[in-house]
PDB file of all heavy atoms in Angstrom:
ATOM      1  N   GLU A   1       0.850  -1.231  -0.010  1.00  0.00           N
ATOM      2  CA  GLU A   1      -0.032  -0.058   0.034  1.00  0.00           C
ATOM      3  C   GLU A   1       0.817   1.280   0.025  1.00  0.00           C
ATOM      4  O   GLU A   1       0.593   2.177  -0.679  1.00  0.00           O
ATOM      5  CB  GLU A   1      -0.944  -0.013   1.216  1.00  0.00           C
ATOM      6  CG  GLU A   1      -2.062  -1.007   1.099  1.00  0.00           C
ATOM      7  CD  GLU A   1      -2.933  -0.892   2.342  1.00  0.00           C
ATOM      8  OE1 GLU A   1      -2.436  -0.830   3.497  1.00  0.00           O
ATOM      9  OE2 GLU A   1      -4.234  -1.074   2.125  1.00  0.00           O
ATOM     10  N   ARG A   2       1.919   1.263   0.736  1.00  0.00           N
ATOM     11  CA  ARG A   2       2.739   2.400   0.912  1.00  0.00           C
ATOM     12  C   ARG A   2       3.398   2.824  -0.423  1.00  0.00           C
ATOM     13  O   ARG A   2       3.341   3.907  -0.997  1.00  0.00           O
ATOM     14  CB  ARG A   2       3.868   2.270   1.989  1.00  0.00           C
ATOM     15  CG  ARG A   2       4.859   3.408   2.044  1.00  0.00           C
ATOM     16  CD  ARG A   2       5.892   3.172   3.093  1.00  0.00           C
ATOM     17  NE  ARG A   2       6.556   1.931   2.946  1.00  0.00           N
ATOM     18  CZ  ARG A   2       7.662   1.670   2.119  1.00  0.00           C
ATOM     19  NH1 ARG A   2       7.947   2.661   1.239  1.00  0.00           N
ATOM     20  NH2 ARG A   2       8.271   0.551   2.088  1.00  0.00           N
ATOM     21  N   ILE A   3       3.922   1.767  -1.033  1.00  0.00           N
ATOM     22  CA  ILE A   3       4.572   2.067  -2.362  1.00  0.00           C
ATOM     23  C   ILE A   3       3.498   2.291  -3.504  1.00  0.00           C
ATOM     24  O   ILE A   3       3.791   3.262  -4.293  1.00  0.00           O
ATOM     25  CB  ILE A   3       5.428   0.814  -2.729  1.00  0.00           C
ATOM     26  CG1 ILE A   3       6.670   0.711  -1.697  1.00  0.00           C
ATOM     27  CG2 ILE A   3       6.062   0.911  -4.184  1.00  0.00           C
ATOM     28  CD1 ILE A   3       7.480  -0.508  -1.891  1.00  0.00           C
ATOM     29  N   ALA A   4       2.486   1.630  -3.524  1.00  0.00           N
ATOM     30  CA  ALA A   4       1.346   1.850  -4.457  1.00  0.00           C
ATOM     31  C   ALA A   4       0.850   3.316  -4.322  1.00  0.00           C
ATOM     32  O   ALA A   4       0.670   3.872  -5.361  1.00  0.00           O
ATOM     33  CB  ALA A   4       0.294   0.870  -4.259  1.00  0.00           C
ATOM     34  N   GLU A   5       0.697   3.731  -3.098  1.00  0.00           N
ATOM     35  CA  GLU A   5       0.201   5.120  -2.915  1.00  0.00           C
ATOM     36  C   GLU A   5       1.234   6.179  -3.513  1.00  0.00           C
ATOM     37  O   GLU A   5       0.836   7.175  -4.023  1.00  0.00           O
ATOM     38  CB  GLU A   5      -0.060   5.361  -1.367  1.00  0.00           C
ATOM     39  CG  GLU A   5      -0.837   6.660  -1.189  1.00  0.00           C
ATOM     40  CD  GLU A   5      -1.216   6.839   0.186  1.00  0.00           C
ATOM     41  OE1 GLU A   5      -0.761   6.067   1.120  1.00  0.00           O
ATOM     42  OE2 GLU A   5      -2.011   7.783   0.505  1.00  0.00           O
ATOM     43  N   GLU A   6       2.540   5.890  -3.369  1.00  0.00           N
ATOM     44  CA  GLU A   6       3.497   6.773  -3.823  1.00  0.00           C
ATOM     45  C   GLU A   6       3.341   6.933  -5.364  1.00  0.00           C
ATOM     46  O   GLU A   6       3.624   7.954  -5.992  1.00  0.00           O
ATOM     47  CB  GLU A   6       4.955   6.285  -3.599  1.00  0.00           C
ATOM     48  CG  GLU A   6       5.371   6.458  -2.000  1.00  0.00           C
ATOM     49  CD  GLU A   6       6.624   5.778  -1.852  1.00  0.00           C
ATOM     50  OE1 GLU A   6       7.460   5.478  -2.652  1.00  0.00           O
ATOM     51  OE2 GLU A   6       6.944   5.647  -0.666  1.00  0.00           O
ATOM     52  N   TYR A   7       2.958   5.742  -6.076  1.00  0.00           N
ATOM     53  CA  TYR A   7       2.851   5.742  -7.491  1.00  0.00           C
ATOM     54  C   TYR A   7       1.364   6.087  -7.951  1.00  0.00           C
ATOM     55  O   TYR A   7       1.145   6.229  -9.134  1.00  0.00           O
ATOM     56  CB  TYR A   7       3.225   4.460  -8.017  1.00  0.00           C
ATOM     57  CG  TYR A   7       4.742   4.170  -8.116  1.00  0.00           C
ATOM     58  CD1 TYR A   7       5.395   3.835  -7.109  1.00  0.00           C
ATOM     59  CD2 TYR A   7       5.344   4.416  -9.341  1.00  0.00           C
ATOM     60  CE1 TYR A   7       6.782   3.582  -7.026  1.00  0.00           C
ATOM     61  CE2 TYR A   7       6.797   4.181  -9.409  1.00  0.00           C
ATOM     62  CZ  TYR A   7       7.470   3.869  -8.288  1.00  0.00           C
ATOM     63  OH  TYR A   7       8.812   3.619  -8.411  1.00  0.00           O
ATOM     64  N   GLY A   8       0.481   6.306  -7.001  1.00  0.00           N
ATOM     65  CA  GLY A   8      -0.908   6.521  -7.272  1.00  0.00           C
ATOM     66  C   GLY A   8      -1.621   5.379  -7.991  1.00  0.00           C
ATOM     67  O   GLY A   8      -2.550   5.672  -8.843  1.00  0.00           O
ATOM     68  N   ILE A   9      -1.262   4.280  -7.610  1.00  0.00           N
ATOM     69  CA  ILE A   9      -1.897   3.030  -8.249  1.00  0.00           C
ATOM     70  C   ILE A   9      -2.919   2.448  -7.226  1.00  0.00           C
ATOM     71  O   ILE A   9      -2.576   2.170  -5.995  1.00  0.00           O
ATOM     72  CB  ILE A   9      -0.785   1.946  -8.519  1.00  0.00           C
ATOM     73  CG1 ILE A   9       0.241   2.579  -9.556  1.00  0.00           C
ATOM     74  CG2 ILE A   9      -1.440   0.694  -9.159  1.00  0.00           C
ATOM     75  CD1 ILE A   9       1.416   1.765  -9.692  1.00  0.00           C
ATOM     76  N   PRO A  10      -4.124   2.099  -7.627  1.00  0.00           N
ATOM     77  CA  PRO A  10      -5.134   1.596  -6.752  1.00  0.00           C
ATOM     78  C   PRO A  10      -4.815   0.166  -6.406  1.00  0.00           C
ATOM     79  O   PRO A  10      -4.229  -0.609  -7.124  1.00  0.00           O
ATOM     80  CB  PRO A  10      -6.402   1.650  -7.542  1.00  0.00           C
ATOM     81  CG  PRO A  10      -6.015   1.796  -8.978  1.00  0.00           C
ATOM     82  CD  PRO A  10      -4.691   2.405  -8.965  1.00  0.00           C
ATOM     83  N   VAL A  11      -5.146  -0.112  -5.180  1.00  0.00           N
ATOM     84  CA  VAL A  11      -4.925  -1.489  -4.715  1.00  0.00           C
ATOM     85  C   VAL A  11      -6.275  -2.106  -4.177  1.00  0.00           C
ATOM     86  O   VAL A  11      -7.083  -1.449  -3.550  1.00  0.00           O
ATOM     87  CB  VAL A  11      -3.964  -1.506  -3.414  1.00  0.00           C
ATOM     88  CG1 VAL A  11      -3.762  -2.848  -2.738  1.00  0.00           C
ATOM     89  CG2 VAL A  11      -2.617  -0.880  -3.759  1.00  0.00           C
ATOM     90  N   ILE A  12      -6.450  -3.400  -4.517  1.00  0.00           N
ATOM     91  CA  ILE A  12      -7.578  -4.202  -4.000  1.00  0.00           C
ATOM     92  C   ILE A  12      -7.051  -5.356  -3.182  1.00  0.00           C
ATOM     93  O   ILE A  12      -6.214  -6.084  -3.764  1.00  0.00           O
ATOM     94  CB  ILE A  12      -8.446  -4.646  -5.252  1.00  0.00           C
ATOM     95  CG1 ILE A  12      -8.900  -3.445  -6.067  1.00  0.00           C
ATOM     96  CG2 ILE A  12      -9.583  -5.521  -4.697  1.00  0.00           C
ATOM     97  CD1 ILE A  12      -9.604  -4.016  -7.368  1.00  0.00           C
ATOM     98  N   LEU A  13      -7.504  -5.419  -1.999  1.00  0.00           N
ATOM     99  CA  LEU A  13      -7.065  -6.522  -1.128  1.00  0.00           C
ATOM    100  C   LEU A  13      -8.249  -7.506  -1.140  1.00  0.00           C
ATOM    101  O   LEU A  13      -9.389  -7.147  -0.813  1.00  0.00           O
ATOM    102  CB  LEU A  13      -6.882  -5.889   0.351  1.00  0.00           C
ATOM    103  CG  LEU A  13      -5.915  -4.916   0.626  1.00  0.00           C
ATOM    104  CD1 LEU A  13      -5.859  -4.392   1.989  1.00  0.00           C
ATOM    105  CD2 LEU A  13      -4.511  -5.292   0.146  1.00  0.00           C
ATOM    106  N   LEU A  14      -7.899  -8.763  -1.384  1.00  0.00           N
ATOM    107  CA  LEU A  14      -9.016  -9.879  -1.309  1.00  0.00           C
ATOM    108  C   LEU A  14      -8.677 -10.792  -0.316  1.00  0.00           C
ATOM    109  O   LEU A  14      -7.578 -11.269  -0.103  1.00  0.00           O
ATOM    110  CB  LEU A  14      -9.017 -10.550  -2.771  1.00  0.00           C
ATOM    111  CG  LEU A  14      -9.400  -9.691  -3.868  1.00  0.00           C
ATOM    112  CD1 LEU A  14      -8.336  -9.125  -4.635  1.00  0.00           C
ATOM    113  CD2 LEU A  14     -10.446 -10.520  -4.807  1.00  0.00           C
ATOM    114  N   CYS A  15      -9.718 -11.153   0.549  1.00  0.00           N
ATOM    115  CA  CYS A  15      -9.467 -12.111   1.567  1.00  0.00           C
ATOM    116  C   CYS A  15     -10.879 -12.826   1.941  1.00  0.00           C
ATOM    117  O   CYS A  15     -11.869 -12.483   1.333  1.00  0.00           O
ATOM    118  CB  CYS A  15      -9.098 -11.415   2.822  1.00  0.00           C
ATOM    119  SG  CYS A  15     -10.281 -10.315   3.569  1.00  0.00           S
ATOM    120  N   ASP A  16     -10.777 -13.937   2.614  1.00  0.00           N
ATOM    121  CA  ASP A  16     -11.958 -14.570   2.792  1.00  0.00           C
ATOM    122  C   ASP A  16     -12.589 -14.230   4.126  1.00  0.00           C
ATOM    123  O   ASP A  16     -12.075 -13.316   4.776  1.00  0.00           O
ATOM    124  CB  ASP A  16     -11.718 -16.197   2.764  1.00  0.00           C
ATOM    125  CG  ASP A  16     -10.790 -16.688   3.934  1.00  0.00           C
ATOM    126  OD1 ASP A  16     -10.764 -16.085   4.895  1.00  0.00           O
ATOM    127  OD2 ASP A  16     -10.218 -17.670   3.630  1.00  0.00           O
ATOM    128  N   THR A  17     -13.631 -14.779   4.418  1.00  0.00           N
ATOM    129  CA  THR A  17     -14.404 -14.271   5.603  1.00  0.00           C
ATOM    130  C   THR A  17     -13.855 -14.620   6.953  1.00  0.00           C
ATOM    131  O   THR A  17     -14.193 -14.132   7.952  1.00  0.00           O
ATOM    132  CB  THR A  17     -15.924 -15.000   5.599  1.00  0.00           C
ATOM    133  OG1 THR A  17     -15.754 -16.398   5.502  1.00  0.00           O
ATOM    134  CG2 THR A  17     -16.756 -14.448   4.426  1.00  0.00           C
ATOM    135  N   SER A  18     -12.784 -15.450   7.008  1.00  0.00           N
ATOM    136  CA  SER A  18     -12.020 -15.772   8.135  1.00  0.00           C
ATOM    137  C   SER A  18     -10.995 -14.688   8.581  1.00  0.00           C
ATOM    138  O   SER A  18     -10.307 -14.808   9.685  1.00  0.00           O
ATOM    139  CB  SER A  18     -11.465 -17.119   8.185  1.00  0.00           C
ATOM    140  OG  SER A  18     -10.428 -17.190   7.239  1.00  0.00           O
ATOM    141  N   HIS A  19     -10.848 -13.719   7.717  1.00  0.00           N
ATOM    142  CA  HIS A  19      -9.891 -12.638   7.949  1.00  0.00           C
ATOM    143  C   HIS A  19     -10.598 -11.301   7.961  1.00  0.00           C
ATOM    144  O   HIS A  19     -11.556 -11.077   7.274  1.00  0.00           O
ATOM    145  CB  HIS A  19      -8.819 -12.597   6.815  1.00  0.00           C
ATOM    146  CG  HIS A  19      -7.944 -13.715   6.828  1.00  0.00           C
ATOM    147  ND1 HIS A  19      -8.248 -14.962   6.100  1.00  0.00           N
ATOM    148  CD2 HIS A  19      -6.663 -13.993   7.293  1.00  0.00           C
ATOM    149  CE1 HIS A  19      -7.317 -15.867   6.299  1.00  0.00           C
ATOM    150  NE2 HIS A  19      -6.404 -15.291   7.010  1.00  0.00           N
ATOM    151  N   VAL A  20     -10.142 -10.345   8.834  1.00  0.00           N
ATOM    152  CA  VAL A  20     -10.695  -9.087   9.062  1.00  0.00           C
ATOM    153  C   VAL A  20      -9.684  -8.151   8.584  1.00  0.00           C
ATOM    154  O   VAL A  20      -8.617  -8.034   9.102  1.00  0.00           O
ATOM    155  CB  VAL A  20     -11.114  -8.799  10.506  1.00  0.00           C
ATOM    156  CG1 VAL A  20     -11.682  -7.464  10.596  1.00  0.00           C
ATOM    157  CG2 VAL A  20     -12.200  -9.823  10.822  1.00  0.00           C
ATOM    158  N   LEU A  21      -9.926  -7.390   7.522  1.00  0.00           N
ATOM    159  CA  LEU A  21      -9.008  -6.321   6.979  1.00  0.00           C
ATOM    160  C   LEU A  21      -9.704  -5.029   7.002  1.00  0.00           C
ATOM    161  O   LEU A  21     -10.882  -4.924   6.688  1.00  0.00           O
ATOM    162  CB  LEU A  21      -8.488  -6.736   5.491  1.00  0.00           C
ATOM    163  CG  LEU A  21      -7.569  -7.990   5.501  1.00  0.00           C
ATOM    164  CD1 LEU A  21      -7.289  -8.185   3.932  1.00  0.00           C
ATOM    165  CD2 LEU A  21      -6.325  -7.820   6.302  1.00  0.00           C
ATOM    166  N   TYR A  22      -8.935  -3.977   7.154  1.00  0.00           N
ATOM    167  CA  TYR A  22      -9.320  -2.714   7.099  1.00  0.00           C
ATOM    168  C   TYR A  22      -8.164  -1.906   6.467  1.00  0.00           C
ATOM    169  O   TYR A  22      -7.022  -2.106   6.717  1.00  0.00           O
ATOM    170  CB  TYR A  22      -9.677  -2.009   8.470  1.00  0.00           C
ATOM    171  CG  TYR A  22      -9.917  -0.555   8.442  1.00  0.00           C
ATOM    172  CD1 TYR A  22     -11.041  -0.049   7.905  1.00  0.00           C
ATOM    173  CD2 TYR A  22      -8.823   0.304   8.729  1.00  0.00           C
ATOM    174  CE1 TYR A  22     -11.255   1.321   7.918  1.00  0.00           C
ATOM    175  CE2 TYR A  22      -9.056   1.730   8.770  1.00  0.00           C
ATOM    176  CZ  TYR A  22     -10.211   2.198   8.290  1.00  0.00           C
ATOM    177  OH  TYR A  22     -10.369   3.574   8.212  1.00  0.00           O
ATOM    178  N   SER A  23      -8.450  -0.975   5.607  1.00  0.00           N
ATOM    179  CA  SER A  23      -7.376  -0.076   4.940  1.00  0.00           C
ATOM    180  C   SER A  23      -8.004   1.191   4.636  1.00  0.00           C
ATOM    181  O   SER A  23      -9.148   1.492   4.147  1.00  0.00           O
ATOM    182  CB  SER A  23      -7.032  -0.795   3.536  1.00  0.00           C
ATOM    183  OG  SER A  23      -6.187   0.044   2.967  1.00  0.00           O
ATOM    184  N   GLU A  24      -7.204   2.242   4.845  1.00  0.00           N
ATOM    185  CA  GLU A  24      -7.525   3.575   4.469  1.00  0.00           C
ATOM    186  C   GLU A  24      -7.152   3.910   3.011  1.00  0.00           C
ATOM    187  O   GLU A  24      -7.730   4.868   2.449  1.00  0.00           O
ATOM    188  CB  GLU A  24      -6.751   4.599   5.423  1.00  0.00           C
ATOM    189  CG  GLU A  24      -7.390   4.480   6.898  1.00  0.00           C
ATOM    190  CD  GLU A  24      -6.891   5.636   7.715  1.00  0.00           C
ATOM    191  OE1 GLU A  24      -6.313   6.564   7.184  1.00  0.00           O
ATOM    192  OE2 GLU A  24      -7.058   5.591   8.938  1.00  0.00           O
ATOM    193  N   TYR A  25      -6.356   3.048   2.446  1.00  0.00           N
ATOM    194  CA  TYR A  25      -5.956   3.303   1.065  1.00  0.00           C
ATOM    195  C   TYR A  25      -6.597   2.326   0.111  1.00  0.00           C
ATOM    196  O   TYR A  25      -7.083   2.755  -0.935  1.00  0.00           O
ATOM    197  CB  TYR A  25      -4.449   3.169   0.871  1.00  0.00           C
ATOM    198  CG  TYR A  25      -3.985   3.466  -0.511  1.00  0.00           C
ATOM    199  CD1 TYR A  25      -3.989   4.807  -1.026  1.00  0.00           C
ATOM    200  CD2 TYR A  25      -3.586   2.503  -1.415  1.00  0.00           C
ATOM    201  CE1 TYR A  25      -3.623   5.047  -2.328  1.00  0.00           C
ATOM    202  CE2 TYR A  25      -3.195   2.773  -2.746  1.00  0.00           C
ATOM    203  CZ  TYR A  25      -3.227   3.978  -3.137  1.00  0.00           C
ATOM    204  OH  TYR A  25      -2.897   4.180  -4.419  1.00  0.00           O
ATOM    205  N   SER A  26      -6.678   1.016   0.405  1.00  0.00           N
ATOM    206  CA  SER A  26      -7.075   0.023  -0.496  1.00  0.00           C
ATOM    207  C   SER A  26      -8.594  -0.287  -0.406  1.00  0.00           C
ATOM    208  O   SER A  26      -9.190  -0.008   0.576  1.00  0.00           O
ATOM    209  CB  SER A  26      -6.346  -1.293  -0.155  1.00  0.00           C
ATOM    210  OG  SER A  26      -4.981  -1.162  -0.325  1.00  0.00           O
ATOM    211  N   GLU A  27      -9.093  -0.712  -1.521  1.00  0.00           N
ATOM    212  CA  GLU A  27     -10.464  -1.332  -1.461  1.00  0.00           C
ATOM    213  C   GLU A  27     -10.324  -2.770  -0.909  1.00  0.00           C
ATOM    214  O   GLU A  27      -9.403  -3.571  -1.360  1.00  0.00           O
ATOM    215  CB  GLU A  27     -11.013  -1.362  -2.969  1.00  0.00           C
ATOM    216  CG  GLU A  27     -12.435  -1.951  -3.015  1.00  0.00           C
ATOM    217  CD  GLU A  27     -12.846  -2.055  -4.516  1.00  0.00           C
ATOM    218  OE1 GLU A  27     -12.292  -1.549  -5.342  1.00  0.00           O
ATOM    219  OE2 GLU A  27     -13.890  -2.733  -4.642  1.00  0.00           O
ATOM    220  N   VAL A  28     -11.160  -3.105   0.026  1.00  0.00           N
ATOM    221  CA  VAL A  28     -11.126  -4.506   0.562  1.00  0.00           C
ATOM    222  C   VAL A  28     -12.308  -5.254   0.053  1.00  0.00           C
ATOM    223  O   VAL A  28     -13.458  -4.747   0.158  1.00  0.00           O
ATOM    224  CB  VAL A  28     -11.120  -4.381   2.191  1.00  0.00           C
ATOM    225  CG1 VAL A  28     -11.247  -5.867   2.694  1.00  0.00           C
ATOM    226  CG2 VAL A  28      -9.941  -3.573   2.602  1.00  0.00           C
ATOM    227  N   LYS A  29     -12.082  -6.350  -0.549  1.00  0.00           N
ATOM    228  CA  LYS A  29     -13.196  -7.267  -0.902  1.00  0.00           C
ATOM    229  C   LYS A  29     -13.148  -8.542  -0.166  1.00  0.00           C
ATOM    230  O   LYS A  29     -12.101  -9.268  -0.130  1.00  0.00           O
ATOM    231  CB  LYS A  29     -12.960  -7.540  -2.467  1.00  0.00           C
ATOM    232  CG  LYS A  29     -13.277  -6.409  -3.333  1.00  0.00           C
ATOM    233  CD  LYS A  29     -13.375  -6.844  -4.760  1.00  0.00           C
ATOM    234  CE  LYS A  29     -13.799  -5.776  -5.724  1.00  0.00           C
ATOM    235  NZ  LYS A  29     -15.221  -5.479  -5.733  1.00  0.00           N
ATOM    236  N   ILE A  30     -14.132  -8.847   0.532  1.00  0.00           N
ATOM    237  CA  ILE A  30     -14.269 -10.072   1.375  1.00  0.00           C
ATOM    238  C   ILE A  30     -14.989 -11.017   0.565  1.00  0.00           C
ATOM    239  O   ILE A  30     -16.215 -10.757   0.273  1.00  0.00           O
ATOM    240  CB  ILE A  30     -14.882  -9.756   2.788  1.00  0.00           C
ATOM    241  CG1 ILE A  30     -14.032  -8.731   3.550  1.00  0.00           C
ATOM    242  CG2 ILE A  30     -15.062 -11.016   3.575  1.00  0.00           C
ATOM    243  CD1 ILE A  30     -14.647  -8.236   4.820  1.00  0.00           C
ATOM    244  N   ILE A  31     -14.347 -12.163   0.337  1.00  0.00           N
ATOM    245  CA  ILE A  31     -14.978 -13.183  -0.487  1.00  0.00           C
ATOM    246  C   ILE A  31     -15.544 -14.326   0.332  1.00  0.00           C
ATOM    247  O   ILE A  31     -14.854 -14.757   1.333  1.00  0.00           O
ATOM    248  CB  ILE A  31     -13.949 -13.663  -1.480  1.00  0.00           C
ATOM    249  CG1 ILE A  31     -13.247 -12.669  -2.258  1.00  0.00           C
ATOM    250  CG2 ILE A  31     -14.533 -14.695  -2.464  1.00  0.00           C
ATOM    251  CD1 ILE A  31     -14.077 -11.613  -2.992  1.00  0.00           C
ATOM    252  N   GLY A  32     -16.685 -14.869  -0.051  1.00  0.00           N
ATOM    253  CA  GLY A  32     -17.257 -16.018   0.767  1.00  0.00           C
ATOM    254  C   GLY A  32     -16.262 -17.120   0.900  1.00  0.00           C
ATOM    255  O   GLY A  32     -15.336 -17.241   0.069  1.00  0.00           O
ATOM    256  N   ALA A  33     -16.533 -17.901   1.969  1.00  0.00           N
ATOM    257  CA  ALA A  33     -15.603 -18.973   2.181  1.00  0.00           C
ATOM    258  C   ALA A  33     -15.734 -20.107   1.094  1.00  0.00           C
ATOM    259  O   ALA A  33     -16.708 -20.133   0.379  1.00  0.00           O
ATOM    260  CB  ALA A  33     -16.005 -19.687   3.502  1.00  0.00           C
ATOM    261  N   GLY A  34     -14.791 -20.865   0.973  1.00  0.00           N
ATOM    262  CA  GLY A  34     -14.750 -21.936  -0.062  1.00  0.00           C
ATOM    263  C   GLY A  34     -13.305 -22.012  -0.625  1.00  0.00           C
ATOM    264  O   GLY A  34     -12.491 -21.049  -0.616  1.00  0.00           O
ATOM    265  N   ALA A  35     -12.982 -23.287  -0.894  1.00  0.00           N
ATOM    266  CA  ALA A  35     -11.631 -23.530  -1.364  1.00  0.00           C
ATOM    267  C   ALA A  35     -11.348 -22.704  -2.638  1.00  0.00           C
ATOM    268  O   ALA A  35     -12.185 -22.785  -3.558  1.00  0.00           O
ATOM    269  CB  ALA A  35     -11.464 -25.031  -1.651  1.00  0.00           C
ATOM    270  N   ASP A  36     -10.293 -22.026  -2.619  1.00  0.00           N
ATOM    271  CA  ASP A  36      -9.865 -21.182  -3.732  1.00  0.00           C
ATOM    272  C   ASP A  36     -10.831 -20.037  -4.115  1.00  0.00           C
ATOM    273  O   ASP A  36     -10.603 -19.441  -5.186  1.00  0.00           O
ATOM    274  CB  ASP A  36      -9.561 -22.065  -4.993  1.00  0.00           C
ATOM    275  CG  ASP A  36      -8.509 -23.119  -4.716  1.00  0.00           C
ATOM    276  OD1 ASP A  36      -7.561 -22.827  -3.917  1.00  0.00           O
ATOM    277  OD2 ASP A  36      -8.777 -24.309  -5.158  1.00  0.00           O
ATOM    278  N   ALA A  37     -11.781 -19.692  -3.352  1.00  0.00           N
ATOM    279  CA  ALA A  37     -12.721 -18.608  -3.709  1.00  0.00           C
ATOM    280  C   ALA A  37     -11.978 -17.326  -3.881  1.00  0.00           C
ATOM    281  O   ALA A  37     -12.349 -16.548  -4.815  1.00  0.00           O
ATOM    282  CB  ALA A  37     -13.854 -18.434  -2.568  1.00  0.00           C
ATOM    283  N   VAL A  38     -11.098 -16.986  -3.045  1.00  0.00           N
ATOM    284  CA  VAL A  38     -10.394 -15.735  -3.199  1.00  0.00           C
ATOM    285  C   VAL A  38      -9.554 -15.719  -4.459  1.00  0.00           C
ATOM    286  O   VAL A  38      -9.461 -14.829  -5.153  1.00  0.00           O
ATOM    287  CB  VAL A  38      -9.421 -15.395  -1.853  1.00  0.00           C
ATOM    288  CG1 VAL A  38      -8.533 -14.355  -2.138  1.00  0.00           C
ATOM    289  CG2 VAL A  38     -10.334 -15.227  -0.629  1.00  0.00           C
ATOM    290  N   ASP A  39      -8.971 -16.839  -4.689  1.00  0.00           N
ATOM    291  CA  ASP A  39      -8.111 -16.944  -5.917  1.00  0.00           C
ATOM    292  C   ASP A  39      -8.911 -16.709  -7.189  1.00  0.00           C
ATOM    293  O   ASP A  39      -8.464 -15.962  -8.018  1.00  0.00           O
ATOM    294  CB  ASP A  39      -7.410 -18.319  -5.993  1.00  0.00           C
ATOM    295  CG  ASP A  39      -6.554 -18.671  -4.839  1.00  0.00           C
ATOM    296  OD1 ASP A  39      -6.075 -17.675  -4.107  1.00  0.00           O
ATOM    297  OD2 ASP A  39      -6.199 -19.883  -4.576  1.00  0.00           O
TER     298      ASP A  39
END
């Protein structure tokens, strides 16, 4: 995020429902549970 912000490039963080993420810079997408769902 730090380096992407320096370049002005948007970041999307993808995680499953067992993780809790928060970001002031990135868009966070929480994907339903399931094998390889995030991938």
